[in-house]
N, C-alpha and C. Protein backbone atom coordinates (compact mmCIF):
# COMPACT_ATOMS: atom_id res chain seq x y z
N MET A 1 -11.76 3.27 23.23
CA MET A 1 -10.99 3.24 21.54
C MET A 1 -9.72 2.41 22.01
N SER A 2 -9.12 1.33 21.13
CA SER A 2 -8.51 0.20 21.29
C SER A 2 -6.65 1.10 21.38
N GLU A 3 -6.12 0.57 22.53
CA GLU A 3 -4.87 0.90 22.41
C GLU A 3 -3.78 0.62 21.19
N LYS A 4 -4.04 -0.80 20.65
CA LYS A 4 -3.57 -0.92 19.64
C LYS A 4 -4.17 -0.04 18.45
N PRO A 5 -3.67 0.29 17.37
CA PRO A 5 -3.89 1.14 16.36
C PRO A 5 -4.44 -0.39 15.23
N ILE A 6 -5.99 0.21 15.01
CA ILE A 6 -6.04 -0.99 13.84
C ILE A 6 -6.01 -0.53 12.79
N ILE A 7 -5.44 -1.87 11.58
CA ILE A 7 -4.94 -1.23 10.67
C ILE A 7 -6.14 -2.43 9.29
N GLY A 8 -6.45 -1.86 8.73
CA GLY A 8 -7.58 -2.59 7.49
C GLY A 8 -6.98 -2.52 6.61
N VAL A 9 -7.10 -3.84 6.09
CA VAL A 9 -6.07 -4.44 4.83
C VAL A 9 -7.63 -4.37 3.83
N LEU A 10 -7.61 -3.65 2.97
CA LEU A 10 -8.55 -3.47 1.47
C LEU A 10 -8.95 -4.95 0.86
N SER A 11 -9.83 -5.61 1.61
CA SER A 11 -10.09 -7.22 1.03
C SER A 11 -11.33 -6.82 -0.15
N LEU A 12 -10.84 -6.84 -1.28
CA LEU A 12 -11.66 -6.84 -2.43
C LEU A 12 -10.59 -7.80 -3.20
N GLN A 13 -10.07 -8.05 -3.55
CA GLN A 13 -9.13 -8.49 -3.94
C GLN A 13 -7.42 -8.79 -3.74
N GLY A 14 -6.65 -9.76 -4.14
CA GLY A 14 -5.32 -9.27 -3.54
C GLY A 14 -5.05 -10.10 -2.71
N ALA A 15 -3.63 -10.04 -2.52
CA ALA A 15 -2.60 -10.33 -0.84
C ALA A 15 -3.43 -9.65 0.56
N VAL A 16 -4.17 -10.66 1.25
CA VAL A 16 -4.81 -9.77 2.23
C VAL A 16 -4.19 -10.42 3.23
N GLU A 17 -5.04 -11.56 3.27
CA GLU A 17 -4.49 -12.43 4.90
C GLU A 17 -2.77 -12.25 4.75
N LEU A 18 -2.10 -12.27 4.40
CA LEU A 18 -0.82 -12.31 4.26
C LEU A 18 -0.05 -11.47 5.37
N HIS A 19 -0.67 -10.27 5.00
CA HIS A 19 -0.35 -9.34 6.01
C HIS A 19 -0.62 -8.99 7.80
N LYS A 20 -1.76 -10.35 8.10
CA LYS A 20 -1.92 -10.47 9.54
C LYS A 20 -0.94 -10.60 10.62
N PRO A 21 0.18 -11.33 10.14
CA PRO A 21 0.79 -11.70 11.14
C PRO A 21 1.94 -10.60 11.24
N HIS A 22 2.41 -9.88 9.92
CA HIS A 22 3.12 -8.86 10.22
C HIS A 22 2.70 -7.65 10.93
N ILE A 23 1.36 -7.44 10.67
CA ILE A 23 0.63 -6.39 11.61
C ILE A 23 0.57 -6.84 12.70
N GLU A 24 0.37 -7.55 13.17
CA GLU A 24 0.07 -8.17 14.77
C GLU A 24 1.60 -8.18 15.39
N ALA A 25 2.46 -9.03 14.55
CA ALA A 25 4.18 -8.85 15.05
C ALA A 25 4.21 -7.31 15.42
N ALA A 26 4.17 -6.07 14.55
CA ALA A 26 4.46 -5.05 14.42
C ALA A 26 3.42 -4.23 15.94
N GLY A 27 3.00 -4.92 16.24
CA GLY A 27 1.45 -3.93 17.57
C GLY A 27 0.77 -3.63 17.28
N ALA A 28 -0.01 -4.01 16.32
CA ALA A 28 -1.33 -3.61 15.74
C ALA A 28 -2.39 -4.38 15.75
N GLU A 29 -3.90 -4.13 15.44
CA GLU A 29 -4.77 -5.04 15.11
C GLU A 29 -5.11 -5.21 14.00
N TYR A 30 -5.20 -6.61 13.19
CA TYR A 30 -5.21 -6.69 11.23
C TYR A 30 -6.72 -6.70 11.55
N ARG A 31 -7.19 -6.22 10.67
CA ARG A 31 -8.85 -6.18 10.28
C ARG A 31 -8.59 -6.27 8.96
N ALA A 32 -9.48 -7.40 7.77
CA ALA A 32 -9.95 -7.35 6.67
C ALA A 32 -11.20 -5.97 5.96
N VAL A 33 -11.18 -5.23 5.39
CA VAL A 33 -11.90 -4.32 5.44
C VAL A 33 -12.21 -4.27 4.05
N LYS A 34 -13.81 -4.45 3.99
CA LYS A 34 -14.47 -4.36 2.55
C LYS A 34 -16.18 -3.61 2.20
N THR A 35 -16.64 -2.77 3.52
CA THR A 35 -17.59 -1.87 3.58
C THR A 35 -17.27 -0.76 4.03
N PRO A 36 -17.59 0.54 3.84
CA PRO A 36 -17.91 1.73 4.62
C PRO A 36 -17.77 1.75 5.75
N ALA A 37 -18.71 1.38 6.78
CA ALA A 37 -18.64 1.24 8.25
C ALA A 37 -17.15 0.75 8.46
N GLN A 38 -16.71 -0.60 7.96
CA GLN A 38 -15.57 -1.13 8.20
C GLN A 38 -14.50 -0.44 7.70
N PHE A 39 -14.45 0.76 7.11
CA PHE A 39 -13.44 1.69 6.80
C PHE A 39 -12.98 2.75 7.68
N ASP A 40 -14.61 2.86 8.25
CA ASP A 40 -14.60 4.24 9.72
C ASP A 40 -13.97 4.09 10.52
N ALA A 41 -14.07 2.34 11.22
CA ALA A 41 -13.63 1.89 11.76
C ALA A 41 -11.98 1.63 12.05
N VAL A 42 -11.37 1.95 11.24
CA VAL A 42 -9.86 1.88 11.02
C VAL A 42 -8.96 2.81 11.50
N ASP A 43 -7.98 2.69 12.24
CA ASP A 43 -6.69 3.87 11.94
C ASP A 43 -6.01 4.06 11.09
N GLY A 44 -6.01 3.09 9.94
CA GLY A 44 -4.75 3.41 8.92
C GLY A 44 -5.54 2.24 7.81
N PHE A 45 -4.67 1.98 6.44
CA PHE A 45 -5.12 1.03 5.82
C PHE A 45 -4.04 0.73 5.03
N ILE A 46 -3.78 -0.71 4.90
CA ILE A 46 -2.95 -1.19 3.40
C ILE A 46 -4.04 -1.75 2.45
N LEU A 47 -3.50 -0.77 1.31
CA LEU A 47 -4.41 -1.40 0.00
C LEU A 47 -3.32 -2.49 -0.64
N PRO A 48 -3.54 -3.38 -0.59
CA PRO A 48 -2.82 -4.78 -0.90
C PRO A 48 -2.31 -4.59 -2.03
N GLY A 49 -1.59 -5.40 -2.68
CA GLY A 49 -1.09 -6.36 -4.04
C GLY A 49 -2.27 -6.92 -4.25
N GLY A 50 -2.00 -6.98 -5.71
CA GLY A 50 -3.55 -7.50 -6.78
C GLY A 50 -3.43 -7.42 -7.84
N GLU A 51 -4.63 -7.05 -8.42
CA GLU A 51 -5.00 -6.49 -9.70
C GLU A 51 -5.37 -5.11 -9.59
N SER A 52 -4.88 -4.13 -10.05
CA SER A 52 -5.35 -2.98 -9.75
C SER A 52 -6.80 -2.60 -10.65
N THR A 53 -6.72 -3.10 -12.13
CA THR A 53 -8.00 -3.14 -12.54
C THR A 53 -9.53 -3.72 -11.92
N THR A 54 -8.94 -4.95 -11.63
CA THR A 54 -10.07 -5.86 -10.58
C THR A 54 -10.05 -5.17 -9.61
N MET A 55 -9.34 -4.64 -8.93
CA MET A 55 -9.84 -3.62 -7.73
C MET A 55 -10.41 -2.25 -8.17
N LEU A 56 -10.85 -1.39 -8.85
CA LEU A 56 -11.30 -0.23 -9.30
C LEU A 56 -12.85 -0.89 -9.63
N LYS A 57 -12.94 -2.20 -10.59
CA LYS A 57 -13.70 -2.70 -10.92
C LYS A 57 -14.91 -3.09 -9.57
N LEU A 58 -14.13 -3.42 -8.77
CA LEU A 58 -15.17 -3.65 -7.67
C LEU A 58 -15.28 -2.74 -6.66
N ILE A 59 -14.50 -1.86 -6.77
CA ILE A 59 -14.67 -0.53 -6.00
C ILE A 59 -16.24 0.26 -6.74
N GLU A 60 -16.04 0.03 -8.21
CA GLU A 60 -17.36 0.94 -8.72
C GLU A 60 -18.29 -0.27 -8.01
N VAL A 61 -18.63 -1.13 -8.70
CA VAL A 61 -19.21 -2.24 -8.48
C VAL A 61 -20.17 -1.86 -7.03
N PHE A 62 -19.17 -2.29 -5.89
CA PHE A 62 -19.84 -2.24 -4.63
C PHE A 62 -20.11 -0.48 -4.20
N GLY A 63 -19.81 0.29 -4.78
CA GLY A 63 -19.99 1.70 -4.67
C GLY A 63 -19.33 2.25 -3.60
N LEU A 64 -17.91 1.65 -3.59
CA LEU A 64 -17.26 1.99 -2.50
C LEU A 64 -15.99 3.45 -2.63
N TRP A 65 -16.25 3.88 -3.70
CA TRP A 65 -15.44 4.83 -4.48
C TRP A 65 -15.25 6.23 -3.12
N ASP A 66 -16.61 6.93 -3.11
CA ASP A 66 -16.36 8.05 -2.16
C ASP A 66 -15.86 7.94 -0.76
N SER A 67 -16.35 6.65 -0.18
CA SER A 67 -15.78 6.22 1.28
C SER A 67 -14.70 6.00 1.25
N LEU A 68 -14.11 5.23 0.59
CA LEU A 68 -12.41 4.80 0.53
C LEU A 68 -11.94 6.34 0.02
N ALA A 69 -12.18 7.10 -1.01
CA ALA A 69 -11.54 8.32 -0.82
C ALA A 69 -11.67 9.20 0.24
N LYS A 70 -12.49 9.21 0.96
CA LYS A 70 -12.86 9.95 2.58
C LYS A 70 -11.84 9.51 2.98
N ASN A 71 -11.79 8.30 3.28
CA ASN A 71 -10.71 7.67 4.54
C ASN A 71 -9.58 7.85 3.73
N LEU A 72 -9.38 7.20 2.75
CA LEU A 72 -7.62 7.36 2.31
C LEU A 72 -6.99 8.57 2.74
N SER A 73 -7.62 9.86 2.15
CA SER A 73 -7.57 11.18 2.39
C SER A 73 -7.07 11.69 3.53
N THR A 74 -7.54 10.73 4.92
CA THR A 74 -7.85 12.00 5.99
C THR A 74 -6.78 10.61 7.22
N LYS A 75 -6.57 9.43 6.88
CA LYS A 75 -5.69 8.59 7.51
C LYS A 75 -4.77 8.06 6.85
N PRO A 76 -3.72 7.46 7.76
CA PRO A 76 -2.28 7.11 7.50
C PRO A 76 -2.70 5.85 6.39
N VAL A 77 -2.00 5.69 4.98
CA VAL A 77 -2.67 4.56 3.88
C VAL A 77 -1.07 4.17 3.39
N TRP A 78 -1.00 2.65 2.97
CA TRP A 78 0.10 2.20 2.30
C TRP A 78 -0.41 1.56 1.33
N GLY A 79 0.19 1.77 0.03
CA GLY A 79 -0.23 1.16 -0.70
C GLY A 79 0.94 0.00 -1.36
N ILE A 80 0.80 -0.82 -1.65
CA ILE A 80 1.70 -2.09 -2.14
C ILE A 80 1.27 -2.49 -3.58
N CYS A 81 2.51 -2.21 -4.31
CA CYS A 81 2.09 -2.54 -5.92
C CYS A 81 1.03 -2.45 -6.45
N ALA A 82 -0.71 -3.09 -6.55
CA ALA A 82 -1.98 -2.53 -7.32
C ALA A 82 -2.10 -1.30 -6.53
N GLY A 83 -1.39 -1.60 -4.79
CA GLY A 83 -2.25 -0.78 -4.18
C GLY A 83 -1.68 0.96 -4.19
N ALA A 84 -0.57 0.60 -4.72
CA ALA A 84 0.30 1.62 -4.96
C ALA A 84 -0.17 2.81 -6.16
N ILE A 85 -0.50 2.02 -7.32
CA ILE A 85 -1.04 2.22 -8.46
C ILE A 85 -2.23 3.14 -8.22
N LEU A 86 -3.08 2.77 -7.33
CA LEU A 86 -4.65 3.48 -6.86
C LEU A 86 -4.37 4.33 -6.31
N LEU A 87 -2.89 5.03 -5.55
CA LEU A 87 -2.81 5.77 -5.09
C LEU A 87 -1.94 7.10 -5.50
N ALA A 88 -1.43 6.89 -7.21
CA ALA A 88 -0.77 7.62 -7.65
C ALA A 88 -1.54 8.54 -8.33
N GLU A 89 -0.83 9.65 -8.69
CA GLU A 89 -1.56 10.87 -9.46
C GLU A 89 -1.59 10.51 -10.66
N LYS A 90 -0.64 9.72 -11.54
CA LYS A 90 -0.95 9.47 -12.91
C LYS A 90 -0.50 7.90 -12.85
N VAL A 91 -0.96 7.33 -13.93
CA VAL A 91 -1.09 5.80 -14.23
C VAL A 91 -1.06 5.60 -15.36
N THR A 92 0.01 5.32 -15.92
CA THR A 92 0.04 4.54 -17.52
C THR A 92 0.70 3.49 -17.85
N SER A 93 0.34 3.31 -18.85
CA SER A 93 0.84 1.62 -19.42
C SER A 93 -0.59 0.50 -18.84
N PRO A 94 -1.29 0.72 -19.12
CA PRO A 94 -2.42 1.80 -19.50
C PRO A 94 -2.78 2.84 -18.53
N ALA A 95 -3.10 4.01 -19.35
CA ALA A 95 -3.90 5.29 -18.43
C ALA A 95 -5.08 4.41 -17.13
N GLN A 96 -4.87 4.38 -16.28
CA GLN A 96 -6.47 4.28 -15.60
C GLN A 96 -6.93 5.38 -14.13
N LYS A 97 -7.63 5.04 -14.10
CA LYS A 97 -8.63 6.05 -12.80
C LYS A 97 -7.40 5.44 -11.45
N SER A 98 -7.66 6.58 -10.12
CA SER A 98 -6.70 6.39 -9.33
C SER A 98 -7.04 7.51 -8.19
N PHE A 99 -6.77 7.33 -6.97
CA PHE A 99 -7.27 8.24 -5.79
C PHE A 99 -6.44 9.68 -6.15
N GLY A 100 -5.20 9.48 -6.46
CA GLY A 100 -4.41 10.62 -7.26
C GLY A 100 -4.15 11.22 -5.66
N LEU A 101 -3.70 10.21 -4.67
CA LEU A 101 -3.14 10.65 -3.02
C LEU A 101 -1.97 11.31 -2.92
N LEU A 102 -0.52 10.40 -4.43
CA LEU A 102 0.79 10.87 -4.00
C LEU A 102 1.11 11.16 -5.26
N PRO A 103 1.87 12.12 -5.02
CA PRO A 103 2.38 12.97 -6.37
C PRO A 103 3.50 11.89 -6.98
N LEU A 104 3.17 11.43 -7.97
CA LEU A 104 3.53 10.29 -8.38
C LEU A 104 3.53 9.47 -9.73
N THR A 105 3.63 9.34 -10.86
CA THR A 105 3.66 8.49 -11.90
C THR A 105 3.94 7.03 -12.07
N VAL A 106 3.17 6.21 -12.00
CA VAL A 106 3.33 4.73 -11.73
C VAL A 106 3.10 4.13 -13.25
N GLU A 107 4.15 3.12 -13.71
CA GLU A 107 4.04 2.51 -14.98
C GLU A 107 3.38 1.13 -14.65
N ARG A 108 2.64 0.85 -14.78
CA ARG A 108 1.51 -0.55 -14.88
C ARG A 108 2.79 -1.29 -15.29
N ASN A 109 3.21 -2.52 -14.41
CA ASN A 109 4.13 -3.53 -14.77
C ASN A 109 5.05 -3.37 -15.85
N GLY A 110 5.47 -1.80 -14.72
CA GLY A 110 7.22 -1.65 -15.49
C GLY A 110 8.47 -2.59 -15.25
N TYR A 111 8.41 -3.54 -14.62
CA TYR A 111 9.71 -4.59 -14.32
C TYR A 111 9.26 -5.95 -14.96
N GLY A 112 8.34 -5.73 -15.99
CA GLY A 112 8.56 -6.81 -16.98
C GLY A 112 6.60 -7.55 -16.27
N SER A 113 6.55 -8.54 -16.97
CA SER A 113 5.28 -9.35 -17.06
C SER A 113 5.92 -10.38 -15.91
N GLN A 114 5.10 -11.58 -15.85
CA GLN A 114 5.52 -12.60 -14.79
C GLN A 114 6.41 -12.87 -14.48
N ILE A 115 6.49 -13.13 -15.82
CA ILE A 115 8.09 -14.48 -15.82
C ILE A 115 9.39 -13.02 -15.49
N ASP A 116 9.10 -11.89 -15.50
CA ASP A 116 10.20 -11.05 -15.00
C ASP A 116 10.00 -10.97 -13.38
N SER A 117 9.29 -11.62 -12.36
CA SER A 117 9.19 -11.37 -11.21
C SER A 117 10.72 -11.88 -9.91
N HIS A 118 10.66 -10.88 -9.38
CA HIS A 118 11.95 -11.84 -8.78
C HIS A 118 11.66 -11.20 -7.11
N ILE A 119 12.74 -11.44 -6.42
CA ILE A 119 13.42 -11.13 -5.06
C ILE A 119 14.17 -10.85 -4.84
N GLU A 120 13.89 -9.91 -4.21
CA GLU A 120 15.73 -9.01 -3.94
C GLU A 120 15.49 -8.44 -2.35
N GLU A 121 16.59 -7.77 -1.70
CA GLU A 121 16.49 -7.55 -0.71
C GLU A 121 16.65 -6.33 -0.55
N ILE A 122 15.47 -5.45 0.27
CA ILE A 122 15.78 -4.23 -0.22
C ILE A 122 15.72 -4.15 1.87
N GLU A 123 16.17 -2.80 2.57
CA GLU A 123 16.92 -2.60 3.65
C GLU A 123 17.28 -4.06 4.32
N GLY A 124 18.11 -5.09 4.04
CA GLY A 124 18.49 -5.94 4.67
C GLY A 124 17.10 -6.65 4.95
N TYR A 125 16.33 -7.01 3.67
CA TYR A 125 14.49 -7.59 4.20
C TYR A 125 14.56 -8.47 2.77
N GLU A 126 14.03 -9.68 2.39
CA GLU A 126 14.18 -10.22 0.95
C GLU A 126 12.10 -9.47 0.96
N VAL A 127 12.42 -8.88 -0.21
CA VAL A 127 10.62 -8.74 -0.78
C VAL A 127 10.52 -9.55 -2.16
N SER A 128 9.63 -9.26 -2.62
CA SER A 128 8.85 -10.15 -4.36
C SER A 128 8.50 -8.96 -4.80
N PHE A 129 8.97 -8.73 -5.92
CA PHE A 129 8.93 -7.98 -7.11
C PHE A 129 7.76 -8.55 -8.07
N ILE A 130 6.56 -8.24 -8.03
CA ILE A 130 5.88 -9.59 -8.65
C ILE A 130 4.64 -8.29 -10.01
N ARG A 131 5.22 -8.62 -11.25
CA ARG A 131 4.66 -7.98 -12.29
C ARG A 131 4.78 -6.27 -11.77
N ALA A 132 5.60 -5.81 -10.89
CA ALA A 132 6.00 -4.68 -10.27
C ALA A 132 5.91 -3.39 -11.09
N PRO A 133 4.87 -2.48 -10.62
CA PRO A 133 4.75 -0.97 -11.29
C PRO A 133 6.66 -0.38 -11.01
N VAL A 134 6.61 0.70 -12.25
CA VAL A 134 7.89 1.53 -11.89
C VAL A 134 7.27 2.67 -11.91
N PHE A 135 8.22 3.41 -10.62
CA PHE A 135 7.86 4.80 -10.09
C PHE A 135 8.20 5.74 -10.49
N LYS A 136 7.91 6.65 -11.38
CA LYS A 136 8.14 7.80 -11.39
C LYS A 136 7.84 8.95 -11.31
N ASP A 137 8.83 10.19 -11.77
CA ASP A 137 8.57 11.58 -11.48
C ASP A 137 7.97 11.51 -10.00
N VAL A 138 8.50 11.47 -9.15
CA VAL A 138 8.08 11.40 -7.62
C VAL A 138 8.08 13.05 -7.06
N GLY A 139 7.34 13.13 -6.55
CA GLY A 139 6.74 14.67 -7.04
C GLY A 139 7.66 15.19 -5.24
N LYS A 140 7.71 16.60 -5.36
CA LYS A 140 8.46 17.69 -4.35
C LYS A 140 8.23 17.14 -2.79
N GLY A 141 9.06 16.96 -1.70
CA GLY A 141 8.36 16.63 -0.86
C GLY A 141 8.36 15.15 -0.04
N THR A 142 8.58 14.01 -1.19
CA THR A 142 8.52 13.03 -0.95
C THR A 142 9.54 12.27 -0.44
N GLU A 143 9.80 11.03 0.14
CA GLU A 143 10.96 10.95 0.73
C GLU A 143 11.37 9.76 0.23
N ILE A 144 12.41 9.32 -0.47
CA ILE A 144 12.44 7.68 -0.83
C ILE A 144 12.94 6.99 0.10
N LEU A 145 12.81 6.28 0.79
CA LEU A 145 13.19 5.29 1.55
C LEU A 145 13.86 4.16 1.21
N ALA A 146 13.42 3.68 -0.41
CA ALA A 146 14.49 2.66 -0.93
C ALA A 146 14.69 2.75 -2.15
N GLU A 147 15.72 2.06 -3.18
CA GLU A 147 15.88 2.17 -4.53
C GLU A 147 15.87 0.78 -5.03
N HIS A 148 15.41 0.25 -6.24
CA HIS A 148 15.94 -0.77 -6.87
C HIS A 148 16.37 -0.43 -8.43
N ARG A 149 17.32 -0.50 -8.54
CA ARG A 149 17.82 -0.74 -9.86
C ARG A 149 17.99 0.60 -10.36
N GLY A 150 18.35 1.40 -9.74
CA GLY A 150 17.97 3.24 -9.56
C GLY A 150 17.08 3.81 -9.84
N LEU A 151 16.02 2.90 -9.50
CA LEU A 151 14.33 3.88 -9.52
C LEU A 151 13.82 3.43 -7.66
N PRO A 152 13.36 4.34 -7.37
CA PRO A 152 12.71 4.63 -6.08
C PRO A 152 11.60 3.46 -6.19
N VAL A 153 11.74 2.51 -5.12
CA VAL A 153 10.88 1.56 -5.30
C VAL A 153 9.85 1.67 -3.89
N TRP A 154 10.29 2.61 -2.82
CA TRP A 154 10.04 2.50 -1.18
C TRP A 154 9.55 4.08 -0.86
N ILE A 155 8.53 4.88 -1.18
CA ILE A 155 8.31 6.17 -0.91
C ILE A 155 7.41 6.76 0.41
N LYS A 156 7.12 7.57 0.68
CA LYS A 156 6.83 8.44 1.79
C LYS A 156 6.50 10.04 1.90
N LYS A 157 5.10 10.14 2.03
CA LYS A 157 5.10 11.50 2.13
C LYS A 157 3.93 11.38 2.68
N GLY A 158 4.11 12.33 3.43
CA GLY A 158 3.23 12.50 5.16
C GLY A 158 2.74 11.44 5.64
N LYS A 159 1.13 10.85 5.45
CA LYS A 159 1.21 9.93 6.06
C LYS A 159 0.78 8.88 4.97
N ILE A 160 1.35 9.10 3.76
CA ILE A 160 1.30 8.16 2.79
C ILE A 160 2.32 7.45 2.53
N MET A 161 2.40 5.92 2.51
CA MET A 161 3.42 5.52 2.02
C MET A 161 2.95 4.30 0.90
N ALA A 162 4.21 4.02 0.14
CA ALA A 162 4.10 3.20 -1.13
C ALA A 162 4.62 2.56 -1.42
N SER A 163 5.11 1.46 -1.35
CA SER A 163 6.34 -0.03 -1.89
C SER A 163 5.49 -0.58 -3.42
N SER A 164 6.42 -0.78 -4.48
CA SER A 164 6.25 -1.38 -5.46
C SER A 164 6.58 -3.01 -5.65
N PHE A 165 6.79 -3.21 -4.40
CA PHE A 165 7.13 -5.01 -3.74
C PHE A 165 6.24 -5.36 -2.81
N HIS A 166 6.16 -6.60 -2.62
CA HIS A 166 5.69 -7.12 -1.63
C HIS A 166 6.51 -7.50 -0.31
N PRO A 167 6.29 -7.16 0.66
CA PRO A 167 7.14 -7.85 1.72
C PRO A 167 6.00 -8.92 2.62
N GLU A 168 4.98 -8.51 2.15
CA GLU A 168 3.84 -9.15 3.06
C GLU A 168 4.15 -11.06 2.71
N LEU A 169 5.15 -11.56 1.61
CA LEU A 169 5.34 -12.37 1.55
C LEU A 169 6.28 -13.94 1.79
N THR A 170 7.43 -12.64 2.51
CA THR A 170 8.75 -13.44 3.46
C THR A 170 7.73 -13.34 4.57
N LEU A 171 8.07 -14.39 5.57
CA LEU A 171 7.34 -15.02 6.81
C LEU A 171 8.46 -14.66 7.69
N ASP A 172 9.36 -13.35 7.68
CA ASP A 172 9.75 -13.26 8.95
C ASP A 172 9.01 -11.86 9.40
N PHE A 173 8.11 -12.09 10.63
CA PHE A 173 7.56 -10.89 10.87
C PHE A 173 8.17 -10.01 12.31
N PRO A 174 7.65 -8.85 12.22
CA PRO A 174 6.98 -8.02 11.17
C PRO A 174 8.31 -7.55 9.99
N SER A 175 7.96 -7.34 8.44
CA SER A 175 8.73 -6.75 7.91
C SER A 175 9.18 -5.02 8.26
N PRO A 176 10.45 -4.73 7.94
CA PRO A 176 10.55 -3.41 8.17
C PRO A 176 9.70 -2.84 7.83
N MET A 177 8.93 -2.79 6.54
CA MET A 177 7.92 -1.58 6.03
C MET A 177 6.82 -2.11 7.00
N HIS A 178 6.19 -2.94 7.50
CA HIS A 178 5.40 -2.87 8.39
C HIS A 178 5.51 -2.09 9.90
N ARG A 179 6.65 -2.81 10.41
CA ARG A 179 7.09 -1.98 11.24
C ARG A 179 6.62 -0.51 11.47
N MET A 180 7.49 0.18 10.22
CA MET A 180 7.27 1.59 9.68
C MET A 180 6.24 2.05 9.60
N PHE A 181 4.96 1.51 9.15
CA PHE A 181 3.90 1.76 8.62
C PHE A 181 3.11 2.19 9.83
N VAL A 182 3.24 0.66 10.54
CA VAL A 182 2.08 0.82 11.78
C VAL A 182 2.59 1.60 13.16
N GLU A 183 4.22 1.91 13.19
CA GLU A 183 4.79 2.85 14.15
C GLU A 183 4.33 4.32 13.79
N SER A 184 4.17 4.79 12.33
CA SER A 184 3.20 6.22 11.88
C SER A 184 2.24 5.94 12.03
N VAL A 185 1.36 4.81 12.22
CA VAL A 185 0.21 4.88 12.65
C VAL A 185 -0.28 5.34 13.90
N LYS A 186 0.85 4.54 14.73
CA LYS A 186 0.88 4.72 16.24
C LYS A 186 0.96 6.45 16.59
N ALA A 187 1.80 7.10 16.04
CA ALA A 187 1.96 8.18 16.57
C ALA A 187 1.08 9.15 15.91
N ILE A 188 0.16 8.97 14.94
CA ILE A 188 -0.68 9.62 14.70
C ILE A 188 -2.01 9.66 15.16
N LYS A 189 -2.07 8.27 15.62
CA LYS A 189 -3.46 7.98 16.16
C LYS A 189 -2.89 8.85 17.94
N LYS A 190 -1.77 9.06 18.54
CA LYS A 190 -1.36 9.39 19.79
C LYS A 190 -1.62 10.91 19.65
N ALA A 191 -1.40 11.45 18.44
CA ALA A 191 -1.29 13.02 18.29
C ALA A 191 -2.57 13.79 18.18
N ALA A 192 -3.36 12.70 17.65
CA ALA A 192 -5.09 12.79 18.16
C ALA A 192 -5.54 13.22 18.94
């Protein structure tokens, strides 16, 4: 087993390679993953930002749902923007299928369209909100790590983390979010 935890970034669509310098600067090994064998070989997952409906279609086309569902339910996972949508129990505007792993309702594009995209500082770090989802009805036992405009935008429950923003676009490595995720994967790997 590798000393460094292996973080797999789902590489079907969306912001994938941008995570590499953040993951490596946080002390983990980066891998782009898109097959069941690759899913099984990582210690934790990032479901990246992108387009959730496109990701769902590709998951279905390539028959990846069952393998992903098994791995996401047993390993640490961080969903970013579209990835957070895939993790939520309920998705609105419009409704769509999800893995249902986080007690959360997500309103797609809740912060507005592409023209409403903006940069904000979260925990002293600049992040990008790009057609970002709004987190609602955050379930009991879920820690709210940051808020924006009075709404949760970075949450964690157990080994699952979600953010409605993109920290990977900021070229200051690693982001506090990547650092926290990698540290949680290291702790879980060490305890196993």
